[in-house]
Amino acid sequence: MKRRVLPLFLATSLSAAVAPAHAAPDLATVSERSGFQRTGRYDEVERLCQAFQKAHPKAVRCFEFGRTPEGRPMLALAVSRTGALTADQAKKRGLPVLLVQGGIHAGEIDGKDAGFLALREALENRAAPGALDKQVLLFVPVFNVDGHERFGQWNRPNQRGPVEMGWRTTAQNYNLNRDYVKADALEMQAMLALVNAWDPLAYIDLHVTDGAKFQPDVSIQVEPIHGGDAALMKSGVALRDAVMADLRAQGSDPKHFYISFAKTDDPTSGFEDSMAPPRFSTGYFPMRNRFAMLVETHSWKDYPTRVRVTRNTIVSLLSQVARHGGAWRKQVQEADARALALGGQPFPLSYKATGRTEMIQFAGYEYKRVPSDVSGALWTQYDESKPQMWTVPLRDEVVPALQVAAPAGGYIVPAAQAALVGAKLKQHGVAYKVLDRALARAEVEVFRAGAAKLSPQSFEGRQTLALEGAWTTEARPVGKGALFVPIAQPKARLVMTMLEPQGADSLLAWGAFNAAYERKEYMEEYVAEVVAREQMAADPAVAAEFKRKLESDPAFAASPAARLDFFARRHASWDERYLLYPVMRSAVAH
C-alpha cells in the first residue's frame, strides 16, 4: 500500500529531507547518521542541547531543570525567535508556550530523534516557517533519563527499532506516566516545577504504543475533549482534527482513539475510547485548564517510519500554535477565571464509555486464531503480506461515571496532615493558606467510610485504597496550623482531583492516609463481655438490636469477635476517628 515504503527508502528519503548538505554537522543525530536504525545515548542529548544553543544563540537556550536519582542532568531547550527564552520573558510577552516531551518511557524514543529533526528544520524555516516568531517551544528530549541509559537490544520485544533503546521505567522503577498527581519520582517533581514556571498552553507526550499488527501508524488523543472545562473542548477537538488532517496529507492514517483492542488479542472486540485519569498526562493537564496531547506511533512500524510520523506531528503542532496560540491562550485564561466559580458545581471523578457502538472500517491484516500448545490459549497469527479491511466496533462516547458536588468554600486539612498535604500542593502550584488560629466549632463536612479496601499488592510503590461512603455535616474543632485550600482558584479541578477521597488519583487513593483506616485500640474479650451486659441492662434498645442482628445475620451470629465488637463500638472508648477521612470540606472560606 502507499504508506508501506521499504525501510531503507524511508531512511534515505528522510535523511535527504531533513539533513541537507549545508546543515551544521554538529546538529546531526546518531539516528540520522545510521539511516534511522539506531538512537544515541544521553551524552548525545547533552551535546546537541549545547550545539543548538551555540548554532542559534538568539533563538535557543539549553538549560537544566532537574537531576535524576542517579545524578544525570534533565535538559530542556527553550526555542523562539521572539527573544523570550525564559519563563518570565514568555509571560511578559504573553506568548503561548508549547511543551514537547520525549522519552517518558525511554524505550519509546521516537520523540527524541524526531524532535531534534523538527527543531532544526523549524530554526532553518524549512518546516512550519515563521512559527517560532509567535511562540516558545520547550523541548524535553528525554524525560526518563536514567531509564534511557538502561540501554539494550530487547528492551521492547514487540517494537521494530531502533537497534537498542532505553527502559520503560526510572532507576527507581517508577512509571512516570502514572505519577503526575502523586509525584513520587524526582523526575516528576522536576517536571512539575518546569510546568509551574512556564505554564505551557499545551503539553505533548510522545510515545510508541504496544498492541496488535495493523496498518494505521499513529493515534492522536487530545484533552479537554471528554473532560475538563466544557468551553475548552471545542478547541481541543479543533487541535486534534487539524493535526490529524496534516498527518493524513502526509500519508499517515491517524486515529483519534487509543489503538488497543477492547479485549486483549481479539481484533473482533474493536476499540473503546476513554478519558484518562489524572495519573496520566492527558488526564492531568485538563485539570489545570490546559491542553494535552498523547501521540502514539505504532510499535510494528519501523523506526524510520515512526520518526517521520512523529516529526510531522511536531511540525503540525508548531504550525497550529502559531496560528491559534493567541486565541487558545486567551481561552485557557478564561477557563481559569471560570474555575473560580466551581464551588457547588458537579465535578466528575471518573468517566466511562457508554454502550453506544459504531461499526468502523479499520485497516488490518489477515489473521487466524489457533490453539497454542504452549500457553493453552488462542494464539493470534497475522499475515502482513495480506492487507485486510476489518469491520469492528468502536465505543467512543465517553461520559462521567461518578460525580460529586464541589465544596462551596474549600477543604480543611488538619495540622497533623498539613506538612504532607502542603508539600504536595506546592509541587502542583495549588494555592492554600495556614490558619493562624483554632476554630472551636466549625460546621464542616466529613467523610466516614462504610468500607475501606486496600489493594492486595503495591502499585507504583503505593498500597492503594478505595472507600465507600458519603459526606455528612458535623461540627468539629479545627486546630491552629490547619490548611485551608480554597476551591475558588484557577486549579480548582486539580484541588478536587487531589482531595476528593473517591477520586482514582486522590492523595487518599494513592495511600497517603492509610493509617487512618487501621484500627489501633481494642477491648479485651473478658472486658467486652462485661461491657455488653452493662449496655443491654442500661438500654433495652441495644439489647433488642443485638437480638435482631443475631436472628437476621448468620455470619454475625457465628462470629464471637463480631458479636463483642457490636458492643465495643458503642462504648466511650471507641475511636471516633477510625475510618474518618482526615480532610474536611467547608461551605465557607477561612
Protein backbone atom coordinates (compact mmCIF):
# COMPACT_ATOMS: atom_id res chain seq x y z
CA MET A 1 0.00 0.00 0.00
CA LYS A 2 1.02 3.57 -0.46
CA ARG A 3 2.01 4.11 3.18
CA ARG A 4 4.14 0.97 3.37
CA VAL A 5 7.51 2.03 2.00
CA LEU A 6 10.63 -0.07 2.37
CA PRO A 7 12.60 0.94 5.48
CA LEU A 8 15.79 1.66 3.54
CA PHE A 9 13.98 4.01 1.21
CA LEU A 10 12.30 5.71 4.15
CA ALA A 11 15.60 6.15 5.91
CA THR A 12 17.26 7.55 2.78
CA SER A 13 14.40 9.88 1.90
CA LEU A 14 14.07 11.17 5.45
CA SER A 15 17.79 11.82 5.67
CA ALA A 16 17.62 13.77 2.44
CA ALA A 17 14.61 15.73 3.60
CA VAL A 18 15.96 16.81 6.96
CA ALA A 19 19.74 16.67 6.67
CA PRO A 20 20.79 18.68 3.60
CA ALA A 21 24.43 19.15 2.77
CA HIS A 22 24.52 22.68 4.20
CA ALA A 23 23.22 21.62 7.67
CA ALA A 24 25.67 22.14 10.50
CA PRO A 25 27.32 18.75 11.04
CA ASP A 26 27.31 19.05 14.82
CA LEU A 27 23.48 19.16 14.80
CA ALA A 28 23.12 15.74 13.16
CA THR A 29 21.93 12.84 15.31
CA VAL A 30 23.17 9.30 15.62
CA SER A 31 19.79 8.34 14.26
CA GLU A 32 20.36 10.24 11.02
CA ARG A 33 23.89 9.00 10.56
CA SER A 34 22.72 5.39 10.99
CA GLY A 35 19.92 5.71 8.44
CA PHE A 36 17.39 5.83 11.30
CA GLN A 37 18.35 2.41 12.58
CA ARG A 38 19.93 3.48 15.88
CA THR A 39 19.40 6.10 18.56
CA GLY A 40 22.12 7.83 20.55
CA ARG A 41 22.93 7.63 24.25
CA TYR A 42 22.18 10.51 26.60
CA ASP A 43 25.56 12.14 26.10
CA GLU A 44 24.29 12.94 22.60
CA VAL A 45 21.37 14.90 24.10
CA GLU A 46 23.82 16.85 26.24
CA ARG A 47 26.00 17.57 23.19
CA LEU A 48 23.09 18.55 20.94
CA CYS A 49 21.49 20.77 23.57
CA GLN A 50 24.66 22.86 23.75
CA ALA A 51 25.27 22.65 19.99
CA PHE A 52 21.83 24.02 19.13
CA GLN A 53 22.37 26.90 21.55
CA LYS A 54 25.77 27.63 20.02
CA ALA A 55 24.44 27.47 16.45
CA HIS A 56 21.39 29.67 17.26
CA PRO A 57 22.36 31.74 20.33
CA LYS A 58 19.50 34.23 19.91
CA ALA A 59 16.84 31.56 19.41
CA VAL A 60 17.84 28.62 21.63
CA ARG A 61 18.63 28.30 25.31
CA CYS A 62 19.77 24.95 26.72
CA PHE A 63 19.12 24.57 30.44
CA GLU A 64 18.94 22.00 33.21
CA PHE A 65 15.67 21.76 35.10
CA GLY A 66 16.40 18.87 37.44
CA ARG A 67 18.62 15.95 38.40
CA THR A 68 17.69 12.29 38.29
CA PRO A 69 18.16 9.88 41.21
CA GLU A 70 21.34 8.65 39.50
CA GLY A 71 22.63 12.22 39.19
CA ARG A 72 22.07 12.89 35.49
CA PRO A 73 21.00 16.34 34.28
CA MET A 74 17.46 16.72 32.98
CA LEU A 75 17.75 19.04 29.98
CA ALA A 76 15.31 21.24 28.09
CA LEU A 77 15.66 23.57 25.13
CA ALA A 78 13.71 26.83 25.05
CA VAL A 79 13.35 27.81 21.40
CA SER A 80 11.87 31.02 19.99
CA ARG A 81 12.72 33.83 17.60
CA THR A 82 10.89 36.32 19.83
CA GLY A 83 13.82 36.78 22.22
CA ALA A 84 11.77 35.23 25.03
CA LEU A 85 13.91 32.34 26.23
CA THR A 86 12.97 32.36 29.91
CA ALA A 87 9.66 31.74 31.61
CA ASP A 88 9.44 35.35 32.84
CA GLN A 89 10.12 36.72 29.38
CA ALA A 90 7.47 34.47 27.83
CA LYS A 91 4.91 35.61 30.41
CA LYS A 92 5.74 39.29 29.95
CA ARG A 93 5.35 38.94 26.18
CA GLY A 94 2.11 36.97 26.52
CA LEU A 95 3.47 34.20 24.29
CA PRO A 96 1.94 30.73 24.02
CA VAL A 97 4.29 28.00 25.20
CA LEU A 98 4.27 24.56 23.59
CA LEU A 99 5.96 21.84 25.68
CA VAL A 100 7.01 18.76 23.69
CA GLN A 101 8.28 15.86 25.79
CA GLY A 102 10.03 12.73 24.59
CA GLY A 103 11.17 9.61 26.36
CA ILE A 104 8.82 9.43 29.34
CA HIS A 105 9.02 5.72 28.50
CA ALA A 106 12.62 5.68 27.36
CA GLY A 107 12.29 2.60 25.17
CA GLU A 108 9.73 4.56 23.14
CA ILE A 109 12.30 7.05 21.98
CA ASP A 110 10.91 8.32 18.65
CA GLY A 111 10.20 11.72 20.17
CA LYS A 112 13.85 12.48 20.96
CA ASP A 113 15.16 11.92 17.43
CA ALA A 114 12.08 13.36 15.72
CA GLY A 115 12.16 16.41 17.99
CA PHE A 116 15.72 17.31 17.12
CA LEU A 117 14.88 16.96 13.41
CA ALA A 118 11.77 19.13 13.66
CA LEU A 119 13.64 21.67 15.77
CA ARG A 120 16.46 22.02 13.29
CA GLU A 121 14.06 22.39 10.38
CA ALA A 122 11.98 24.99 12.21
CA LEU A 123 15.07 27.03 13.07
CA GLU A 124 16.04 26.95 9.39
CA ASN A 125 12.47 27.91 8.39
CA ARG A 126 12.15 24.74 6.33
CA ALA A 127 9.33 23.44 8.50
CA ALA A 128 6.49 25.48 9.97
CA PRO A 129 8.07 28.68 8.57
CA GLY A 130 7.63 31.65 10.88
CA ALA A 131 6.12 29.52 13.66
CA LEU A 132 8.90 30.30 16.12
CA ASP A 133 8.16 34.02 15.71
CA LYS A 134 4.86 33.53 17.54
CA GLN A 135 5.55 31.08 20.36
CA VAL A 136 8.08 29.43 22.62
CA LEU A 137 8.83 25.75 22.12
CA LEU A 138 10.01 23.90 25.21
CA PHE A 139 11.58 20.64 24.07
CA VAL A 140 12.46 17.97 26.62
CA PRO A 141 14.24 15.31 24.53
CA VAL A 142 14.23 12.69 27.31
CA PHE A 143 12.10 12.85 30.46
CA ASN A 144 13.13 9.47 31.88
CA VAL A 145 16.89 9.98 31.64
CA ASP A 146 18.02 7.15 33.91
CA GLY A 147 15.71 4.74 32.10
CA HIS A 148 17.18 5.94 28.81
CA GLU A 149 20.62 4.81 29.93
CA ARG A 150 19.40 1.32 30.80
CA PHE A 151 20.21 0.53 27.18
CA GLY A 152 19.62 -2.82 25.48
CA GLN A 153 18.60 -4.54 22.26
CA TRP A 154 15.46 -6.27 23.52
CA ASN A 155 14.02 -3.76 25.95
CA ARG A 156 10.97 -3.52 23.68
CA PRO A 157 10.44 -7.02 22.21
CA ASN A 158 7.26 -6.00 20.36
CA GLN A 159 8.76 -2.91 18.72
CA ARG A 160 10.63 -2.58 15.41
CA GLY A 161 13.69 -0.49 16.05
CA PRO A 162 15.84 1.18 16.90
CA VAL A 163 18.53 -1.49 17.35
CA GLU A 164 18.95 -0.56 21.02
CA MET A 165 16.79 1.55 23.26
CA GLY A 166 16.21 2.52 26.87
CA TRP A 167 13.87 1.14 29.52
CA ARG A 168 10.23 1.91 30.32
CA THR A 169 10.65 2.88 33.98
CA THR A 170 13.04 5.03 36.00
CA ALA A 171 16.01 3.81 38.01
CA GLN A 172 13.64 3.68 41.00
CA ASN A 173 11.19 1.62 38.90
CA TYR A 174 8.56 4.36 38.65
CA ASN A 175 6.40 4.61 35.55
CA LEU A 176 6.40 8.38 35.13
CA ASN A 177 3.16 8.29 33.17
CA ARG A 178 1.37 7.13 36.31
CA ASP A 179 2.97 9.76 38.55
CA TYR A 180 1.55 13.13 37.53
CA VAL A 181 -0.61 13.56 40.66
CA LYS A 182 1.25 11.69 43.41
CA ALA A 183 4.62 12.92 42.04
CA ASP A 184 6.77 10.45 43.93
CA ALA A 185 9.59 10.46 41.37
CA LEU A 186 12.27 13.15 41.50
CA GLU A 187 11.90 13.40 37.73
CA MET A 188 8.19 14.21 38.03
CA GLN A 189 8.83 16.78 40.74
CA ALA A 190 11.30 18.49 38.40
CA MET A 191 8.79 18.38 35.54
CA LEU A 192 6.04 19.91 37.67
CA ALA A 193 8.40 22.72 38.67
CA LEU A 194 9.13 23.31 34.98
CA VAL A 195 5.41 23.35 34.20
CA ASN A 196 4.63 25.69 37.09
CA ALA A 197 7.31 28.12 35.89
CA TRP A 198 6.43 28.10 32.18
CA ASP A 199 2.67 27.37 32.28
CA PRO A 200 2.58 25.70 28.86
CA LEU A 201 -0.56 26.15 26.79
CA ALA A 202 -0.23 22.56 25.56
CA TYR A 203 1.74 19.58 26.82
CA ILE A 204 2.66 16.99 24.16
CA ASP A 205 3.55 13.49 25.34
CA LEU A 206 5.33 11.39 22.68
CA HIS A 207 5.00 7.59 22.90
CA VAL A 208 5.05 4.33 20.94
CA THR A 209 2.08 2.08 21.55
CA ASP A 210 2.11 -1.68 22.01
CA GLY A 211 -0.56 -3.93 20.57
CA ALA A 212 -1.56 -5.98 17.57
CA LYS A 213 -0.35 -5.82 13.99
CA PHE A 214 -2.38 -3.50 11.79
CA GLN A 215 -1.85 -0.71 9.27
CA PRO A 216 -2.62 2.65 11.00
CA ASP A 217 0.62 4.29 12.10
CA VAL A 218 -0.38 6.73 14.85
CA SER A 219 -3.12 7.78 17.25
CA ILE A 220 -3.69 11.36 18.34
CA GLN A 221 -5.64 11.91 21.56
CA VAL A 222 -6.31 15.37 22.94
CA GLU A 223 -7.95 16.72 26.07
CA PRO A 224 -10.03 18.64 27.00
CA ILE A 225 -12.45 16.73 24.77
CA HIS A 226 -14.08 14.24 27.11
CA GLY A 227 -13.43 16.07 30.40
CA GLY A 228 -12.24 19.35 31.84
CA ASP A 229 -13.56 22.83 31.11
CA ALA A 230 -16.51 22.45 28.75
CA ALA A 231 -15.77 25.62 26.81
CA LEU A 232 -12.24 24.40 26.00
CA MET A 233 -13.49 21.16 24.44
CA LYS A 234 -14.30 22.78 21.10
CA SER A 235 -10.72 23.99 20.75
CA GLY A 236 -9.46 20.57 21.88
CA VAL A 237 -11.36 18.97 19.02
CA ALA A 238 -10.06 21.61 16.60
CA LEU A 239 -6.46 20.99 17.66
CA ARG A 240 -6.80 17.22 17.34
CA ASP A 241 -8.56 17.35 13.97
CA ALA A 242 -6.12 19.85 12.48
CA VAL A 243 -3.09 17.73 13.42
CA MET A 244 -4.77 14.58 12.11
CA ALA A 245 -5.59 16.34 8.84
CA ASP A 246 -1.96 17.39 8.44
CA LEU A 247 -0.82 13.83 9.06
CA ARG A 248 -3.30 12.40 6.55
CA ALA A 249 -1.99 14.83 3.95
CA GLN A 250 1.46 13.32 4.51
CA GLY A 251 0.34 9.72 4.06
CA SER A 252 -0.50 8.67 7.61
CA ASP A 253 -3.67 7.01 8.85
CA PRO A 254 -4.17 8.62 12.28
CA LYS A 255 -6.88 7.57 14.72
CA HIS A 256 -8.49 9.66 17.46
CA PHE A 257 -8.67 6.77 19.96
CA TYR A 258 -6.05 4.62 21.65
CA ILE A 259 -5.41 1.75 19.22
CA SER A 260 -5.63 -1.16 21.62
CA PHE A 261 -8.30 -3.83 21.42
CA ALA A 262 -11.14 -3.66 23.93
CA LYS A 263 -10.35 -7.31 24.67
CA THR A 264 -6.65 -8.13 24.60
CA ASP A 265 -5.52 -10.02 21.50
CA ASP A 266 -9.00 -10.17 20.00
CA PRO A 267 -9.41 -7.99 16.87
CA THR A 268 -13.16 -8.64 16.73
CA SER A 269 -13.60 -6.81 20.06
CA GLY A 270 -12.76 -3.50 18.38
CA PHE A 271 -11.85 -0.38 20.29
CA GLU A 272 -13.08 1.68 23.23
CA ASP A 273 -12.22 5.32 23.84
CA SER A 274 -11.74 6.72 27.32
CA MET A 275 -10.87 9.74 29.43
CA ALA A 276 -7.52 9.05 31.07
CA PRO A 277 -7.38 9.51 34.86
CA PRO A 278 -5.10 12.32 36.08
CA ARG A 279 -2.15 9.99 36.79
CA PHE A 280 -1.59 10.22 33.00
CA SER A 281 -0.50 13.39 31.19
CA THR A 282 -3.71 13.59 29.16
CA GLY A 283 -5.82 13.32 32.30
CA TYR A 284 -3.70 15.67 34.36
CA PHE A 285 -3.38 18.82 32.24
CA PRO A 286 -7.13 19.34 31.68
CA MET A 287 -7.31 19.63 35.48
CA ARG A 288 -5.03 22.66 35.06
CA ASN A 289 -7.24 24.00 32.22
CA ARG A 290 -4.54 23.34 29.65
CA PHE A 291 -4.37 21.19 26.51
CA ALA A 292 -2.68 17.81 26.46
CA MET A 293 -1.92 15.54 23.53
CA LEU A 294 -0.91 11.89 23.59
CA VAL A 295 0.93 10.84 20.42
CA GLU A 296 1.26 7.08 19.99
CA THR A 297 3.08 5.83 16.91
CA HIS A 298 2.56 2.13 16.26
CA SER A 299 5.29 -0.18 17.52
CA TRP A 300 5.20 -2.51 14.49
CA LYS A 301 6.08 0.31 12.10
CA ASP A 302 9.83 0.50 11.55
CA TYR A 303 11.87 3.22 13.21
CA PRO A 304 12.32 5.43 10.10
CA THR A 305 8.55 5.49 9.65
CA ARG A 306 7.85 6.26 13.29
CA VAL A 307 10.42 9.06 13.43
CA ARG A 308 8.96 10.60 10.29
CA VAL A 309 5.39 10.49 11.63
CA THR A 310 6.45 11.95 14.99
CA ARG A 311 8.43 14.69 13.26
CA ASN A 312 5.37 15.51 11.13
CA THR A 313 3.24 15.73 14.27
CA ILE A 314 5.61 18.17 15.98
CA VAL A 315 5.78 20.36 12.85
CA SER A 316 1.98 20.39 12.65
CA LEU A 317 1.74 21.40 16.31
CA LEU A 318 4.16 24.28 15.78
CA SER A 319 2.01 25.49 12.89
CA GLN A 320 -1.24 25.14 14.84
CA VAL A 321 0.07 27.02 17.87
CA ALA A 322 1.50 29.75 15.62
CA ARG A 323 -1.90 30.13 14.00
CA HIS A 324 -4.21 29.76 17.01
CA GLY A 325 -1.99 30.04 20.09
CA GLY A 326 -3.00 33.59 20.92
CA ALA A 327 -6.71 32.76 20.85
CA TRP A 328 -6.19 29.49 22.74
CA ARG A 329 -4.13 31.25 25.38
CA LYS A 330 -6.99 33.68 25.97
CA GLN A 331 -9.40 30.76 26.20
CA VAL A 332 -7.41 28.94 28.90
CA GLN A 333 -7.18 32.16 30.90
CA GLU A 334 -10.97 32.44 30.67
CA ALA A 335 -11.18 28.82 31.84
CA ASP A 336 -9.01 29.75 34.82
CA ALA A 337 -11.48 32.50 35.66
CA ARG A 338 -14.44 30.13 35.33
CA ALA A 339 -12.74 27.67 37.69
CA LEU A 340 -13.08 30.25 40.49
CA ALA A 341 -16.82 29.51 40.45
CA LEU A 342 -16.56 25.70 40.57
CA GLY A 343 -17.86 25.59 44.17
CA GLY A 344 -21.20 23.78 44.37
CA GLN A 345 -20.95 22.53 40.78
CA PRO A 346 -20.85 18.84 39.78
CA PHE A 347 -17.34 17.50 39.23
CA PRO A 348 -16.64 14.14 37.54
CA LEU A 349 -14.23 11.90 39.42
CA SER A 350 -14.27 9.20 36.75
CA TYR A 351 -15.53 8.53 33.24
CA LYS A 352 -16.82 5.59 31.23
CA ALA A 353 -17.65 4.71 27.64
CA THR A 354 -21.36 4.27 27.04
CA GLY A 355 -22.87 1.30 25.25
CA ARG A 356 -23.26 3.30 22.05
CA THR A 357 -21.38 1.40 19.36
CA GLU A 358 -20.40 2.36 15.81
CA MET A 359 -19.09 -0.19 13.35
CA ILE A 360 -16.00 1.20 11.62
CA GLN A 361 -13.67 0.15 8.84
CA PHE A 362 -10.18 -0.46 10.17
CA ALA A 363 -7.16 -1.37 8.06
CA GLY A 364 -5.63 -4.57 9.39
CA TYR A 365 -4.14 -7.77 8.03
CA GLU A 366 -5.41 -11.27 7.53
CA TYR A 367 -5.11 -13.27 10.74
CA LYS A 368 -6.13 -16.52 12.32
CA ARG A 369 -6.54 -17.53 15.94
CA VAL A 370 -5.31 -21.01 16.67
CA PRO A 371 -5.00 -23.03 19.89
CA SER A 372 -1.49 -22.79 21.34
CA ASP A 373 0.17 -25.89 22.73
CA VAL A 374 2.48 -23.58 24.72
CA SER A 375 0.09 -21.23 26.50
CA GLY A 376 -3.09 -23.23 26.14
CA ALA A 377 -4.86 -20.08 24.93
CA LEU A 378 -5.77 -18.86 21.47
CA TRP A 379 -2.77 -17.51 19.54
CA THR A 380 -3.36 -14.72 17.01
CA GLN A 381 -1.20 -15.05 13.90
CA TYR A 382 -1.07 -12.10 11.49
CA ASP A 383 -0.04 -12.21 7.82
CA GLU A 384 1.37 -8.76 6.98
CA SER A 385 1.63 -9.72 3.30
CA LYS A 386 -2.19 -9.71 3.09
CA PRO A 387 -3.80 -6.36 3.97
CA GLN A 388 -7.42 -6.72 5.02
CA MET A 389 -10.14 -4.26 5.94
CA TRP A 390 -11.76 -5.15 9.22
CA THR A 391 -15.26 -4.13 10.31
CA VAL A 392 -15.04 -3.71 14.08
CA PRO A 393 -16.97 -1.93 16.85
CA LEU A 394 -15.90 1.41 18.27
CA ARG A 395 -17.32 2.81 21.50
CA ASP A 396 -16.18 6.43 21.69
CA GLU A 397 -18.97 8.18 23.58
CA VAL A 398 -17.39 8.99 26.95
CA VAL A 399 -19.44 10.37 29.86
CA PRO A 400 -18.92 10.97 33.59
CA ALA A 401 -19.26 7.85 35.73
CA LEU A 402 -19.01 9.20 39.29
CA GLN A 403 -19.72 12.87 40.05
CA VAL A 404 -19.64 14.85 43.28
CA ALA A 405 -20.55 18.44 44.04
CA ALA A 406 -17.53 20.65 44.73
CA PRO A 407 -17.49 22.22 48.20
CA ALA A 408 -18.73 25.79 48.28
CA GLY A 409 -15.74 27.02 50.25
CA GLY A 410 -12.89 24.53 50.09
CA TYR A 411 -11.05 21.86 52.05
CA ILE A 412 -9.60 21.94 55.55
CA VAL A 413 -6.53 19.81 56.21
CA PRO A 414 -5.87 19.34 59.95
CA ALA A 415 -2.46 20.38 61.26
CA ALA A 416 -1.42 16.74 61.71
CA GLN A 417 -1.60 16.25 57.93
CA ALA A 418 -0.57 19.77 56.93
CA ALA A 419 3.08 19.04 56.17
CA LEU A 420 2.30 16.04 53.95
CA VAL A 421 -0.54 17.67 52.03
CA GLY A 422 1.06 21.10 51.88
CA ALA A 423 4.17 19.68 50.23
CA LYS A 424 2.07 18.03 47.51
CA LEU A 425 0.00 21.16 46.93
CA LYS A 426 3.20 23.18 46.48
CA GLN A 427 4.52 20.74 43.91
CA HIS A 428 1.42 21.35 41.80
CA GLY A 429 1.27 25.09 42.34
CA VAL A 430 -2.05 24.87 44.22
CA ALA A 431 -2.87 27.82 46.50
CA TYR A 432 -3.64 27.35 50.19
CA LYS A 433 -3.21 29.19 53.48
CA VAL A 434 -2.29 28.18 57.02
CA LEU A 435 -4.91 29.00 59.65
CA ASP A 436 -3.31 31.15 62.36
CA ARG A 437 -5.97 30.45 64.97
CA ALA A 438 -8.02 27.49 66.15
CA LEU A 439 -11.73 27.10 65.38
CA ALA A 440 -13.50 25.69 68.44
CA ARG A 441 -16.56 24.54 66.50
CA ALA A 442 -16.60 24.59 62.71
CA GLU A 443 -19.54 23.39 60.63
CA VAL A 444 -17.84 21.07 58.16
CA GLU A 445 -18.47 18.04 56.00
CA VAL A 446 -16.73 14.82 56.93
CA PHE A 447 -16.35 11.56 55.03
CA ARG A 448 -16.76 8.43 57.15
CA ALA A 449 -16.10 5.25 55.21
CA GLY A 450 -18.63 2.45 55.35
CA ALA A 451 -15.99 0.23 53.76
CA ALA A 452 -12.29 0.68 53.05
CA LYS A 453 -10.47 -1.70 50.69
CA LEU A 454 -6.69 -1.80 50.40
CA SER A 455 -5.07 -3.21 47.28
CA PRO A 456 -3.61 -6.69 47.84
CA GLN A 457 -0.23 -5.58 46.50
CA SER A 458 1.55 -2.30 45.83
CA PHE A 459 1.08 -0.34 42.64
CA GLU A 460 3.71 2.21 41.64
CA GLY A 461 5.21 1.90 45.11
CA ARG A 462 1.92 2.55 46.92
CA GLN A 463 -0.71 0.36 48.52
CA THR A 464 -3.82 1.98 47.11
CA LEU A 465 -7.10 2.48 48.96
CA ALA A 466 -10.72 2.68 47.82
CA LEU A 467 -13.60 3.90 50.01
CA GLU A 468 -17.34 3.57 50.11
CA GLY A 469 -19.18 6.30 51.95
CA ALA A 470 -20.53 9.83 51.70
CA TRP A 471 -20.02 13.34 53.02
CA THR A 472 -22.11 14.32 56.04
CA THR A 473 -22.26 17.51 58.08
CA GLU A 474 -20.75 17.72 61.57
CA ALA A 475 -19.47 20.34 63.97
CA ARG A 476 -15.80 19.68 64.68
CA PRO A 477 -12.88 21.59 66.18
CA VAL A 478 -10.13 22.73 63.82
CA GLY A 479 -6.75 23.38 65.36
CA LYS A 480 -4.30 26.15 64.65
CA GLY A 481 -1.92 25.29 61.82
CA ALA A 482 -4.55 23.57 59.68
CA LEU A 483 -4.53 24.31 55.95
CA PHE A 484 -7.43 25.85 54.10
CA VAL A 485 -7.44 25.03 50.38
CA PRO A 486 -9.93 27.29 48.60
CA ILE A 487 -11.98 25.92 45.75
CA ALA A 488 -12.06 29.42 44.24
CA GLN A 489 -8.76 29.24 42.38
CA PRO A 490 -7.68 28.52 38.79
CA LYS A 491 -6.58 24.98 39.71
CA ALA A 492 -9.92 24.13 41.34
CA ARG A 493 -10.19 20.92 39.29
CA LEU A 494 -6.77 19.85 40.48
CA VAL A 495 -7.81 20.57 44.08
CA MET A 496 -10.80 18.26 43.61
CA THR A 497 -8.61 15.64 41.96
CA MET A 498 -6.20 15.56 44.88
CA LEU A 499 -8.56 15.90 47.83
CA GLU A 500 -11.83 14.15 46.93
CA PRO A 501 -11.35 10.76 48.60
CA GLN A 502 -13.18 8.70 45.98
CA GLY A 503 -11.15 10.03 43.08
CA ALA A 504 -8.94 7.44 41.40
CA ASP A 505 -5.86 9.64 41.81
CA SER A 506 -6.64 11.41 45.07
CA LEU A 507 -3.96 11.52 47.71
CA LEU A 508 -6.11 9.12 49.71
CA ALA A 509 -6.45 6.67 46.80
CA TRP A 510 -2.65 6.63 46.48
CA GLY A 511 -2.31 5.59 50.13
CA ALA A 512 -1.35 8.89 51.75
CA PHE A 513 -3.78 8.34 54.64
CA ASN A 514 -3.81 4.57 55.04
CA ALA A 515 -3.02 4.84 58.74
CA ALA A 516 -6.43 6.47 59.31
CA TYR A 517 -8.04 3.20 58.23
CA GLU A 518 -6.09 1.00 60.64
CA ARG A 519 -7.79 0.15 63.93
CA LYS A 520 -5.34 0.82 66.77
CA GLU A 521 -7.26 0.37 70.04
CA TYR A 522 -9.09 -2.76 71.13
CA MET A 523 -11.14 -4.03 74.07
CA GLU A 524 -10.10 -7.34 75.61
CA GLU A 525 -12.72 -10.08 75.28
CA TYR A 526 -13.24 -10.53 79.01
CA VAL A 527 -13.82 -6.78 79.37
CA ALA A 528 -16.19 -6.68 76.38
CA GLU A 529 -18.26 -9.46 77.96
CA VAL A 530 -18.89 -7.21 80.98
CA VAL A 531 -19.48 -4.10 78.82
CA ALA A 532 -22.04 -5.97 76.71
CA ARG A 533 -24.12 -6.94 79.72
CA GLU A 534 -23.91 -3.44 81.17
CA GLN A 535 -25.08 -1.86 77.88
CA MET A 536 -28.03 -4.24 77.46
CA ALA A 537 -29.09 -3.70 81.06
CA ALA A 538 -28.85 0.07 80.73
CA ASP A 539 -30.54 0.36 77.33
CA PRO A 540 -33.24 -2.13 76.21
CA ALA A 541 -32.97 -0.76 72.65
CA VAL A 542 -29.37 -2.00 72.43
CA ALA A 543 -30.46 -5.43 73.66
CA ALA A 544 -33.27 -5.54 71.12
CA GLU A 545 -30.99 -4.54 68.25
CA PHE A 546 -28.44 -7.19 69.28
CA LYS A 547 -31.16 -9.84 69.29
CA ARG A 548 -32.45 -8.79 65.86
CA LYS A 549 -28.94 -8.97 64.41
CA LEU A 550 -28.39 -12.44 65.88
CA GLU A 551 -31.59 -13.66 64.25
CA SER A 552 -31.14 -11.99 60.86
CA ASP A 553 -27.39 -12.30 60.21
CA PRO A 554 -26.00 -15.87 60.42
CA ALA A 555 -22.42 -14.72 59.83
CA PHE A 556 -22.69 -12.27 62.71
CA ALA A 557 -24.24 -14.89 64.95
CA ALA A 558 -21.42 -17.32 64.19
CA SER A 559 -18.62 -14.85 64.97
CA PRO A 560 -17.70 -14.26 68.64
CA ALA A 561 -15.48 -11.32 67.62
CA ALA A 562 -18.26 -9.61 65.65
CA ARG A 563 -20.71 -10.09 68.50
CA LEU A 564 -18.39 -8.47 71.04
CA ASP A 565 -17.42 -5.75 68.55
CA PHE A 566 -21.11 -4.77 68.39
CA PHE A 567 -20.80 -3.52 71.95
CA ALA A 568 -17.23 -2.21 71.71
CA ARG A 569 -18.36 0.24 69.01
CA ARG A 570 -20.96 1.66 71.39
CA HIS A 571 -18.50 2.18 74.25
CA ALA A 572 -16.97 5.55 75.14
CA SER A 573 -13.52 4.14 74.34
CA TRP A 574 -14.36 3.60 70.68
CA ASP A 575 -12.12 5.69 68.40
CA GLU A 576 -14.48 8.00 66.53
CA ARG A 577 -11.67 8.88 64.11
CA TYR A 578 -11.42 5.30 62.84
CA LEU A 579 -12.47 5.26 59.14
CA LEU A 580 -12.72 9.09 59.18
CA TYR A 581 -11.06 10.76 56.20
CA PRO A 582 -8.57 13.23 57.71
CA VAL A 583 -9.59 16.08 55.40
CA MET A 584 -12.80 18.09 55.77
CA ARG A 585 -14.89 20.20 53.42
CA SER A 586 -16.14 23.66 54.27
CA ALA A 587 -19.01 25.65 52.81
CA VAL A 588 -17.29 28.91 53.70
CA ALA A 589 -13.85 30.33 53.08
CA HIS A 590 -11.47 30.59 56.02
